[in-house]
């Protein structure tokens, strides 16, 4: 697994953990203002989606670059 893929997986796990913690806190009555928290969570999810897309593009570009370098080294 590439470092980028591993980092993306850790990020996905962290976001999932945060979502679960927020759901537990709101559901358990620990947080009373779920609206603001929900808006912040939505904003974080949007940022995450943008970062995940960028990471996917970087991953693909790095794979192409590595393939090109391997071809050059074989010659």
C-alpha atoms as a PDB file:
ATOM      1  CA  UNK A   1       0.000   0.000   0.000  1.00  0.00           C
ATOM      2  CA  UNK A   2       1.377   3.378  -0.955  1.00  0.00           C
ATOM      3  CA  UNK A   3       1.935   6.054   1.670  1.00  0.00           C
ATOM      4  CA  UNK A   4      -0.806   8.146   0.097  1.00  0.00           C
ATOM      5  CA  UNK A   5      -3.316   5.309   0.222  1.00  0.00           C
ATOM      6  CA  UNK A   6      -2.386   4.582   3.838  1.00  0.00           C
ATOM      7  CA  UNK A   7      -2.802   8.244   4.758  1.00  0.00           C
ATOM      8  CA  UNK A   8      -6.159   8.392   3.006  1.00  0.00           C
ATOM      9  CA  UNK A   9      -7.315   5.285   4.880  1.00  0.00           C
ATOM     10  CA  UNK A  10      -6.236   6.797   8.218  1.00  0.00           C
ATOM     11  CA  UNK A  11      -8.106   9.989   7.365  1.00  0.00           C
ATOM     12  CA  UNK A  12     -11.256   8.058   6.474  1.00  0.00           C
ATOM     13  CA  UNK A  13     -11.027   6.147   9.756  1.00  0.00           C
ATOM     14  CA  UNK A  14     -10.559   9.373  11.709  1.00  0.00           C
ATOM     15  CA  UNK A  15     -13.586  10.990  10.063  1.00  0.00           C
ATOM     16  CA  UNK A  16     -15.676   7.901  10.795  1.00  0.00           C
ATOM     17  CA  UNK A  17     -14.592   7.962  14.423  1.00  0.00           C
ATOM     18  CA  UNK A  18     -15.454  11.658  14.713  1.00  0.00           C
ATOM     19  CA  UNK A  19     -18.868  11.087  13.157  1.00  0.00           C
ATOM     20  CA  UNK A  20     -19.580   8.276  15.610  1.00  0.00           C
ATOM     21  CA  UNK A  21     -18.462  10.412  18.555  1.00  0.00           C
ATOM     22  CA  UNK A  22     -20.666  13.303  17.452  1.00  0.00           C
ATOM     23  CA  UNK A  23     -23.648  10.996  16.968  1.00  0.00           C
ATOM     24  CA  UNK A  24     -23.123   9.508  20.449  1.00  0.00           C
ATOM     25  CA  UNK A  25     -22.765  12.932  22.042  1.00  0.00           C
ATOM     26  CA  UNK A  26     -25.864  14.356  20.342  1.00  0.00           C
ATOM     27  CA  UNK A  27     -27.897  11.184  20.887  1.00  0.00           C
ATOM     28  CA  UNK A  28     -26.885  10.907  24.530  1.00  0.00           C
ATOM     29  CA  UNK A  29     -27.971  14.456  25.296  1.00  0.00           C
ATOM     30  CA  UNK A  30     -24.423  15.631  26.009  1.00  0.00           C
ATOM     31  CA  UNK A  31     -24.733  18.254  23.285  1.00  0.00           C
ATOM     32  CA  UNK A  32     -27.825  20.385  23.008  1.00  0.00           C
ATOM     33  CA  UNK A  33     -26.925  22.533  20.006  1.00  0.00           C
ATOM     34  CA  UNK A  34     -26.791  19.879  17.309  1.00  0.00           C
ATOM     35  CA  UNK A  35     -27.619  22.380  14.547  1.00  0.00           C
ATOM     36  CA  UNK A  36     -24.325  24.249  14.681  1.00  0.00           C
ATOM     37  CA  UNK A  37     -22.449  21.015  15.146  1.00  0.00           C
ATOM     38  CA  UNK A  38     -24.282  19.482  12.202  1.00  0.00           C
ATOM     39  CA  UNK A  39     -23.352  22.445  10.023  1.00  0.00           C
ATOM     40  CA  UNK A  40     -19.713  22.155  11.048  1.00  0.00           C
ATOM     41  CA  UNK A  41     -19.769  18.426  10.365  1.00  0.00           C
ATOM     42  CA  UNK A  42     -21.230  19.073   6.905  1.00  0.00           C
ATOM     43  CA  UNK A  43     -18.468  21.599   6.224  1.00  0.00           C
ATOM     44  CA  UNK A  44     -15.805  19.126   7.343  1.00  0.00           C
ATOM     45  CA  UNK A  45     -17.327  16.427   5.134  1.00  0.00           C
ATOM     46  CA  UNK A  46     -17.240  18.812   2.158  1.00  0.00           C
ATOM     47  CA  UNK A  47     -13.584  19.632   2.839  1.00  0.00           C
ATOM     48  CA  UNK A  48     -12.841  15.931   3.205  1.00  0.00           C
ATOM     49  CA  UNK A  49     -14.484  15.180  -0.140  1.00  0.00           C
ATOM     50  CA  UNK A  50     -12.341  17.833  -1.838  1.00  0.00           C
ATOM     51  CA  UNK A  51      -9.185  16.490  -0.196  1.00  0.00           C
ATOM     52  CA  UNK A  52     -10.063  12.911  -1.104  1.00  0.00           C
ATOM     53  CA  UNK A  53     -10.566  13.920  -4.741  1.00  0.00           C
ATOM     54  CA  UNK A  54      -7.244  15.761  -4.771  1.00  0.00           C
ATOM     55  CA  UNK A  55      -5.520  12.783  -3.154  1.00  0.00           C
ATOM     56  CA  UNK A  56      -6.968  10.513  -5.827  1.00  0.00           C
ATOM     57  CA  UNK A  57      -5.626  12.769  -8.558  1.00  0.00           C
ATOM     58  CA  UNK A  58      -2.191  12.914  -6.929  1.00  0.00           C
ATOM     59  CA  UNK A  59      -2.196   9.138  -6.542  1.00  0.00           C
ATOM     60  CA  UNK A  60      -2.969   8.642 -10.237  1.00  0.00           C
ATOM     61  CA  UNK A  61      -0.352  11.186 -11.331  1.00  0.00           C
ATOM     62  CA  UNK A  62       2.290   9.587  -9.127  1.00  0.00           C
ATOM     63  CA  UNK A  63       1.469   6.159 -10.533  1.00  0.00           C
ATOM     64  CA  UNK A  64       1.869   7.487 -14.096  1.00  0.00           C
ATOM     65  CA  UNK A  65       5.154   9.186 -13.193  1.00  0.00           C
ATOM     66  CA  UNK A  66       6.499   6.028 -11.584  1.00  0.00           C
ATOM     67  CA  UNK A  67       5.507   4.009 -14.656  1.00  0.00           C
ATOM     68  CA  UNK A  68       7.303   6.495 -16.906  1.00  0.00           C
ATOM     69  CA  UNK A  69      10.421   6.395 -14.727  1.00  0.00           C
ATOM     70  CA  UNK A  70      10.431   2.603 -14.814  1.00  0.00           C
ATOM     71  CA  UNK A  71      10.277   2.706 -18.621  1.00  0.00           C
ATOM     72  CA  UNK A  72      13.187   5.157 -18.772  1.00  0.00           C
ATOM     73  CA  UNK A  73      15.248   3.050 -16.373  1.00  0.00           C
ATOM     74  CA  UNK A  74      14.647  -0.100 -18.409  1.00  0.00           C
ATOM     75  CA  UNK A  75      16.052   1.515 -21.565  1.00  0.00           C
END
